[in-house]
PDB file of N, CA and C in Angstrom:
ATOM      1  N   MET A   1     -17.612   1.857   8.375  1.00  0.00           N
ATOM      2  CA  MET A   1     -16.286   2.534   8.986  1.00  0.00           C
ATOM      3  C   MET A   1     -14.892   1.698   7.832  1.00  0.00           C
ATOM      4  N   SER A   2     -13.821   2.000   8.529  1.00  0.00           N
ATOM      5  CA  SER A   2     -13.094   2.763   7.840  1.00  0.00           C
ATOM      6  C   SER A   2     -12.695   1.396   8.747  1.00  0.00           C
ATOM      7  N   VAL A   3     -11.277   0.578   8.020  1.00  0.00           N
ATOM      8  CA  VAL A   3     -10.473  -0.509   8.839  1.00  0.00           C
ATOM      9  C   VAL A   3      -9.697   0.145   9.843  1.00  0.00           C
ATOM     10  N   PRO A   4      -9.237  -1.134  11.077  1.00  0.00           N
ATOM     11  CA  PRO A   4      -8.283   0.020  12.441  1.00  0.00           C
ATOM     12  C   PRO A   4      -6.685  -0.381  12.125  1.00  0.00           C
ATOM     13  N   TYR A   5      -6.112  -0.282  10.528  1.00  0.00           N
ATOM     14  CA  TYR A   5      -4.531  -0.712   9.399  1.00  0.00           C
ATOM     15  C   TYR A   5      -5.083   0.359   9.047  1.00  0.00           C
ATOM     16  N   LYS A   6      -3.853  -0.593   8.037  1.00  0.00           N
ATOM     17  CA  LYS A   6      -3.770  -0.009   7.056  1.00  0.00           C
ATOM     18  C   LYS A   6      -2.588  -0.577   6.006  1.00  0.00           C
ATOM     19  N   GLU A   7      -2.418  -0.181   4.799  1.00  0.00           N
ATOM     20  CA  GLU A   7      -1.654  -1.534   4.406  1.00  0.00           C
ATOM     21  C   GLU A   7      -0.731   0.026   3.891  1.00  0.00           C
ATOM     22  N   VAL A   8       0.604  -0.357   3.904  1.00  0.00           N
ATOM     23  CA  VAL A   8       1.531   0.791   3.146  1.00  0.00           C
ATOM     24  C   VAL A   8       2.541   0.054   1.629  1.00  0.00           C
ATOM     25  N   TYR A   9       2.473   0.079   1.455  1.00  0.00           N
ATOM     26  CA  TYR A   9       3.669  -0.069  -0.383  1.00  0.00           C
ATOM     27  C   TYR A   9       4.661   1.565  -1.210  1.00  0.00           C
ATOM     28  N   THR A  10       5.607  -0.020  -1.840  1.00  0.00           N
ATOM     29  CA  THR A  10       6.226   1.624  -2.148  1.00  0.00           C
ATOM     30  C   THR A  10       5.889   1.615  -3.508  1.00  0.00           C
ATOM     31  N   ILE A  11       5.712   2.175  -4.054  1.00  0.00           N
ATOM     32  CA  ILE A  11       5.609   1.978  -6.045  1.00  0.00           C
ATOM     33  C   ILE A  11       7.325   2.248  -6.704  1.00  0.00           C
ATOM     34  N   THR A  12       7.158   1.383  -7.462  1.00  0.00           N
ATOM     35  CA  THR A  12       8.350   1.145  -8.937  1.00  0.00           C
ATOM     36  C   THR A  12       7.757   1.390  -9.707  1.00  0.00           C
ATOM     37  N   GLU A  13       8.971   1.787 -11.027  1.00  0.00           N
ATOM     38  CA  GLU A  13       9.231   1.593 -12.457  1.00  0.00           C
ATOM     39  C   GLU A  13       9.485   0.437 -12.984  1.00  0.00           C
ATOM     40  N   GLY A  14       8.221  -0.259 -13.541  1.00  0.00           N
ATOM     41  CA  GLY A  14       8.739  -1.147 -14.211  1.00  0.00           C
ATOM     42  C   GLY A  14       8.642  -1.766 -15.747  1.00  0.00           C
ATOM     43  N   GLY A  15       9.204  -0.876 -16.452  1.00  0.00           N
ATOM     44  CA  GLY A  15       9.246  -0.626 -17.661  1.00  0.00           C
ATOM     45  C   GLY A  15       7.237   0.038 -18.116  1.00  0.00           C
ATOM     46  N   GLU A  16       6.409  -0.887 -18.797  1.00  0.00           N
ATOM     47  CA  GLU A  16       4.969   0.246 -18.451  1.00  0.00           C
ATOM     48  C   GLU A  16       4.625   0.027 -17.887  1.00  0.00           C
ATOM     49  N   LYS A  17       5.261  -0.533 -16.590  1.00  0.00           N
ATOM     50  CA  LYS A  17       3.776  -1.191 -15.860  1.00  0.00           C
ATOM     51  C   LYS A  17       4.816  -0.839 -14.449  1.00  0.00           C
ATOM     52  N   LYS A  18       4.099  -0.126 -13.444  1.00  0.00           N
ATOM     53  CA  LYS A  18       4.210   0.062 -12.017  1.00  0.00           C
ATOM     54  C   LYS A  18       4.353  -0.852 -11.179  1.00  0.00           C
ATOM     55  N   ARG A  19       5.286  -1.109 -10.643  1.00  0.00           N
ATOM     56  CA  ARG A  19       5.008  -2.418  -8.972  1.00  0.00           C
ATOM     57  C   ARG A  19       4.922  -1.814  -8.069  1.00  0.00           C
ATOM     58  N   TRP A  20       3.331  -1.881  -7.861  1.00  0.00           N
ATOM     59  CA  TRP A  20       3.673  -2.026  -5.983  1.00  0.00           C
ATOM     60  C   TRP A  20       4.055  -2.949  -5.202  1.00  0.00           C
ATOM     61  N   THR A  21       4.481  -2.625  -4.401  1.00  0.00           N
ATOM     62  CA  THR A  21       5.623  -4.046  -2.756  1.00  0.00           C
ATOM     63  C   THR A  21       4.633  -3.336  -1.708  1.00  0.00           C
ATOM     64  N   ARG A  22       4.234  -4.650  -0.905  1.00  0.00           N
ATOM     65  CA  ARG A  22       3.895  -4.087   0.656  1.00  0.00           C
ATOM     66  C   ARG A  22       4.988  -3.690   0.823  1.00  0.00           C
ATOM     67  N   ILE A  23       5.259  -2.352   2.332  1.00  0.00           N
ATOM     68  CA  ILE A  23       6.178  -2.896   2.742  1.00  0.00           C
ATOM     69  C   ILE A  23       5.828  -3.354   4.066  1.00  0.00           C
ATOM     70  N   GLY A  24       5.163  -3.175   4.902  1.00  0.00           N
ATOM     71  CA  GLY A  24       4.352  -2.532   5.922  1.00  0.00           C
ATOM     72  C   GLY A  24       2.607  -2.382   6.373  1.00  0.00           C
ATOM     73  N   VAL A  25       2.555  -2.521   7.470  1.00  0.00           N
ATOM     74  CA  VAL A  25       1.641  -2.047   7.835  1.00  0.00           C
ATOM     75  C   VAL A  25       1.513   0.051   9.037  1.00  0.00           C
ATOM     76  N   ALA A  26      -0.097   0.385   9.098  1.00  0.00           N
ATOM     77  CA  ALA A  26      -0.054   1.599   9.756  1.00  0.00           C
ATOM     78  C   ALA A  26      -1.585   1.162  10.835  1.00  0.00           C
ATOM     79  N   PHE A  27      -1.254   1.737  11.762  1.00  0.00           N
ATOM     80  CA  PHE A  27      -2.574   1.552  12.689  1.00  0.00           C
ATOM     81  C   PHE A  27      -3.026   2.566  13.043  1.00  0.00           C
ATOM     82  N   VAL A  28      -3.632   2.673  12.903  1.00  0.00           N
ATOM     83  CA  VAL A  28      -4.906   3.765  12.736  1.00  0.00           C
ATOM     84  C   VAL A  28      -5.770   4.759  14.284  1.00  0.00           C
ATOM     85  N   ASN A  29      -5.061   5.495  14.924  1.00  0.00           N
ATOM     86  CA  ASN A  29      -5.041   5.864  16.046  1.00  0.00           C
ATOM     87  C   ASN A  29      -6.412   6.400  16.671  1.00  0.00           C
ATOM     88  N   SER A  30      -6.921   6.695  17.561  1.00  0.00           N
ATOM     89  CA  SER A  30      -8.448   6.268  17.619  1.00  0.00           C
ATOM     90  C   SER A  30      -8.250   8.556  17.884  1.00  0.00           C
ATOM     91  N   ASP A  31      -6.869   9.246  17.057  1.00  0.00           N
ATOM     92  CA  ASP A  31      -6.861  10.658  16.989  1.00  0.00           C
ATOM     93  C   ASP A  31      -7.300  10.892  15.770  1.00  0.00           C
ATOM     94  N   GLY A  32      -6.756  10.281  14.539  1.00  0.00           N
ATOM     95  CA  GLY A  32      -6.636   9.702  13.243  1.00  0.00           C
ATOM     96  C   GLY A  32      -5.449   9.644  13.219  1.00  0.00           C
ATOM     97  N   SER A  33      -4.596   9.781  13.914  1.00  0.00           N
ATOM     98  CA  SER A  33      -2.546   9.588  13.296  1.00  0.00           C
ATOM     99  C   SER A  33      -1.976   8.685  13.811  1.00  0.00           C
ATOM    100  N   LEU A  34      -1.653   8.044  12.449  1.00  0.00           N
ATOM    101  CA  LEU A  34      -0.812   6.534  12.224  1.00  0.00           C
ATOM    102  C   LEU A  34       0.442   6.165  13.250  1.00  0.00           C
ATOM    103  N   ASN A  35       0.646   4.999  13.066  1.00  0.00           N
ATOM    104  CA  ASN A  35       1.302   4.231  13.510  1.00  0.00           C
ATOM    105  C   ASN A  35       2.261   3.030  12.202  1.00  0.00           C
ATOM    106  N   VAL A  36       2.987   3.353  11.294  1.00  0.00           N
ATOM    107  CA  VAL A  36       3.710   2.814  10.876  1.00  0.00           C
ATOM    108  C   VAL A  36       4.622   2.323  11.342  1.00  0.00           C
ATOM    109  N   LYS A  37       4.975   0.166  10.253  1.00  0.00           N
ATOM    110  CA  LYS A  37       5.901  -0.156  11.158  1.00  0.00           C
ATOM    111  C   LYS A  37       5.917  -1.089   9.658  1.00  0.00           C
ATOM    112  N   LEU A  38       7.138  -0.483   9.281  1.00  0.00           N
ATOM    113  CA  LEU A  38       7.960  -0.892   8.411  1.00  0.00           C
ATOM    114  C   LEU A  38       8.199  -3.050   8.197  1.00  0.00           C
ATOM    115  N   ASP A  39       8.379  -3.518   7.613  1.00  0.00           N
ATOM    116  CA  ASP A  39       8.979  -4.433   6.788  1.00  0.00           C
ATOM    117  C   ASP A  39      10.574  -4.312   6.078  1.00  0.00           C
ATOM    118  N   ALA A  40      10.739  -2.822   5.351  1.00  0.00           N
ATOM    119  CA  ALA A  40      11.492  -2.187   4.732  1.00  0.00           C
ATOM    120  C   ALA A  40      10.977  -1.252   3.947  1.00  0.00           C
ATOM    121  N   LEU A  41      12.715  -0.729   3.608  1.00  0.00           N
ATOM    122  CA  LEU A  41      12.716   0.489   3.170  1.00  0.00           C
ATOM    123  C   LEU A  41      12.426   0.745   2.282  1.00  0.00           C
ATOM    124  N   PRO A  42      11.542   1.940   1.281  1.00  0.00           N
ATOM    125  CA  PRO A  42      11.859   2.186  -0.216  1.00  0.00           C
ATOM    126  C   PRO A  42      12.520   2.848  -1.100  1.00  0.00           C
ATOM    127  N   VAL A  43      13.731   2.786  -0.998  1.00  0.00           N
ATOM    128  CA  VAL A  43      14.490   3.286  -1.994  1.00  0.00           C
ATOM    129  C   VAL A  43      13.930   3.918  -3.072  1.00  0.00           C
ATOM    130  N   ASN A  44      13.480   4.399  -3.099  1.00  0.00           N
ATOM    131  CA  ASN A  44      13.118   6.049  -3.008  1.00  0.00           C
ATOM    132  C   ASN A  44      12.280   6.927  -2.999  1.00  0.00           C
ATOM    133  N   GLY A  45      12.350   6.279  -1.250  1.00  0.00           N
ATOM    134  CA  GLY A  45      11.550   7.884  -0.708  1.00  0.00           C
ATOM    135  C   GLY A  45      10.176   7.564  -0.378  1.00  0.00           C
ATOM    136  N   GLN A  46       9.414   6.951  -1.777  1.00  0.00           N
ATOM    137  CA  GLN A  46       8.184   7.712  -1.428  1.00  0.00           C
ATOM    138  C   GLN A  46       7.286   5.893  -0.732  1.00  0.00           C
ATOM    139  N   MET A  47       6.137   6.884  -0.282  1.00  0.00           N
ATOM    140  CA  MET A  47       5.940   5.061   0.155  1.00  0.00           C
ATOM    141  C   MET A  47       3.981   5.742   0.438  1.00  0.00           C
ATOM    142  N   ASN A  48       3.380   4.375  -0.064  1.00  0.00           N
ATOM    143  CA  ASN A  48       1.788   4.884  -0.387  1.00  0.00           C
ATOM    144  C   ASN A  48       1.151   4.268   1.081  1.00  0.00           C
ATOM    145  N   ILE A  49      -0.218   4.632   2.065  1.00  0.00           N
ATOM    146  CA  ILE A  49      -0.452   3.408   2.498  1.00  0.00           C
ATOM    147  C   ILE A  49      -2.452   4.750   2.490  1.00  0.00           C
ATOM    148  N   ARG A  50      -2.657   2.611   1.862  1.00  0.00           N
ATOM    149  CA  ARG A  50      -4.246   3.209   1.500  1.00  0.00           C
ATOM    150  C   ARG A  50      -5.293   1.859   2.805  1.00  0.00           C
ATOM    151  N   ASP A  51      -5.538   1.555   2.559  1.00  0.00           N
ATOM    152  CA  ASP A  51      -7.386   0.297   3.200  1.00  0.00           C
ATOM    153  C   ASP A  51      -7.112  -0.411   2.426  1.00  0.00           C
ATOM    154  N   PRO A  52      -6.580  -1.598   2.955  1.00  0.00           N
ATOM    155  CA  PRO A  52      -6.721  -2.917   2.345  1.00  0.00           C
ATOM    156  C   PRO A  52      -7.713  -3.355   1.735  1.00  0.00           C
ATOM    157  N   LYS A  53      -7.143  -4.209   0.492  1.00  0.00           N
ATOM    158  CA  LYS A  53      -8.127  -4.378  -0.410  1.00  0.00           C
ATOM    159  C   LYS A  53      -9.398  -5.530   0.764  1.00  0.00           C
ATOM    160  N   PRO A  54     -11.317  -5.881   0.012  1.00  0.00           N
ATOM    161  CA  PRO A  54     -11.500  -6.769   0.330  1.00  0.00           C
ATOM    162  C   PRO A  54     -10.160  -8.076   0.590  1.00  0.00           C
ATOM    163  N   LYS A  55     -10.878  -9.541   1.481  1.00  0.00           N
ATOM    164  CA  LYS A  55      -9.730 -10.281   0.854  1.00  0.00           C
ATOM    165  C   LYS A  55     -10.220 -11.478  -0.563  1.00  0.00           C
ATOM    166  N   ASP A  56     -11.625 -10.879  -0.362  1.00  0.00           N
ATOM    167  CA  ASP A  56     -12.006 -11.946  -1.891  1.00  0.00           C
ATOM    168  C   ASP A  56     -10.806 -10.813  -3.613  1.00  0.00           C
ATOM    169  N   GLU A  57     -11.312  -9.726  -2.699  1.00  0.00           N
ATOM    170  CA  GLU A  57     -10.549  -8.842  -3.912  1.00  0.00           C
ATOM    171  C   GLU A  57      -8.654  -9.627  -4.243  1.00  0.00           C
ATOM    172  N   ALA A  58      -8.698  -9.462  -3.751  1.00  0.00           N
ATOM    173  CA  ALA A  58      -7.272  -9.624  -2.661  1.00  0.00           C
ATOM    174  C   ALA A  58      -6.813 -10.927  -3.339  1.00  0.00           C
ATOM    175  N   GLN A  59      -6.821 -11.982  -2.914  1.00  0.00           N
ATOM    176  CA  GLN A  59      -6.766 -13.463  -3.746  1.00  0.00           C
ATOM    177  C   GLN A  59      -7.072 -13.223  -5.467  1.00  0.00           C
ATOM    178  N   LYS A  60      -7.383 -12.384  -5.982  1.00  0.00           N
ATOM    179  CA  LYS A  60      -7.992 -12.525  -7.467  1.00  0.00           C
ATOM    180  C   LYS A  60      -6.353 -11.586  -7.705  1.00  0.00           C
ATOM    181  N   GLY A  61      -5.880 -10.558  -7.154  1.00  0.00           N
ATOM    182  CA  GLY A  61      -4.642  -9.948  -8.284  1.00  0.00           C
ATOM    183  C   GLY A  61      -2.910 -10.677  -7.348  1.00  0.00           C
ATOM    184  N   LEU A  62      -1.678 -10.470  -7.933  1.00  0.00           N
ATOM    185  CA  LEU A  62      -1.190 -11.210  -7.325  1.00  0.00           C
ATOM    186  C   LEU A  62      -0.020 -11.498  -6.223  1.00  0.00           C
ATOM    187  N   SER A  63       0.846 -11.763  -5.664  1.00  0.00           N
ATOM    188  CA  SER A  63       0.408 -11.357  -4.185  1.00  0.00           C
ATOM    189  C   SER A  63       2.276 -10.571  -4.097  1.00  0.00           C
ATOM    190  N   GLY A  64       1.565  -9.954  -2.918  1.00  0.00           N
ATOM    191  CA  GLY A  64       2.813  -8.001  -3.439  1.00  0.00           C
ATOM    192  C   GLY A  64       2.545  -7.577  -3.894  1.00  0.00           C
ATOM    193  N   SER A  65       1.165  -7.075  -5.101  1.00  0.00           N
ATOM    194  CA  SER A  65       0.745  -6.238  -6.190  1.00  0.00           C
ATOM    195  C   SER A  65      -0.520  -5.672  -6.212  1.00  0.00           C
ATOM    196  N   ARG A  66      -0.636  -5.166  -6.528  1.00  0.00           N
ATOM    197  CA  ARG A  66      -1.988  -3.864  -6.323  1.00  0.00           C
ATOM    198  C   ARG A  66      -2.930  -4.000  -8.036  1.00  0.00           C
ATOM    199  N   GLY A  67      -2.390  -4.203  -8.464  1.00  0.00           N
ATOM    200  CA  GLY A  67      -3.453  -3.724  -9.985  1.00  0.00           C
ATOM    201  C   GLY A  67      -3.524  -2.738  -9.481  1.00  0.00           C
ATOM    202  N   ARG A  68      -2.779  -1.152  -9.367  1.00  0.00           N
ATOM    203  CA  ARG A  68      -3.577  -0.361  -9.273  1.00  0.00           C
ATOM    204  C   ARG A  68      -2.726   0.856 -10.821  1.00  0.00           C
ATOM    205  N   SER A  69      -3.531   1.614 -11.489  1.00  0.00           N
ATOM    206  CA  SER A  69      -3.687   2.650 -12.859  1.00  0.00           C
ATOM    207  C   SER A  69      -2.844   3.361 -12.589  1.00  0.00           C
ATOM    208  N   ASP A  70      -2.066   4.054 -12.955  1.00  0.00           N
ATOM    209  CA  ASP A  70      -1.251   5.970 -12.939  1.00  0.00           C
ATOM    210  C   ASP A  70      -1.869   6.204 -12.728  1.00  0.00           C
ATOM    211  N   ALA A  71      -3.565   6.636 -12.708  1.00  0.00           N
ATOM    212  CA  ALA A  71      -4.392   7.167 -11.927  1.00  0.00           C
ATOM    213  C   ALA A  71      -4.701   7.904 -10.926  1.00  0.00           C
ATOM    214  N   ASP A  72      -4.848   6.249 -10.060  1.00  0.00           N
ATOM    215  CA  ASP A  72      -5.013   5.086  -8.431  1.00  0.00           C
ATOM    216  C   ASP A  72      -3.572   6.133  -7.523  1.00  0.00           C
ATOM    217  N   GLU A  73      -2.189   6.822  -8.510  1.00  0.00           N
ATOM    218  CA  GLU A  73      -1.091   7.277  -8.073  1.00  0.00           C
ATOM    219  C   GLU A  73      -1.714   9.034  -7.470  1.00  0.00           C
ATOM    220  N   SER A  74      -1.183   8.616  -5.815  1.00  0.00           N
ATOM    221  CA  SER A  74      -1.878   9.914  -5.200  1.00  0.00           C
ATOM    222  C   SER A  74      -0.102  10.928  -4.597  1.00  0.00           C
ATOM    223  N   PHE A  75       1.096  10.879  -5.218  1.00  0.00           N
ATOM    224  CA  PHE A  75       1.996  11.107  -5.253  1.00  0.00           C
ATOM    225  C   PHE A  75       3.124  11.724  -6.115  1.00  0.00           C
TER     226      PHE A  75
END
């Protein structure tokens, strides 16, 4: 069963690493569409919407960082 919401991130270049910044949340409707609420706008015009990490995994990472690799990039 999938979660009823997703996390919204923008990904920016920072030298050798990419920086993942959470900018909002997306709620999944019964028909599969999304309602997106943003706390910030991505300056590069790109967003990544994905399921949240389990709490124990999220606590291991840095705040605001997903620790994703270039291979995870979907745009």
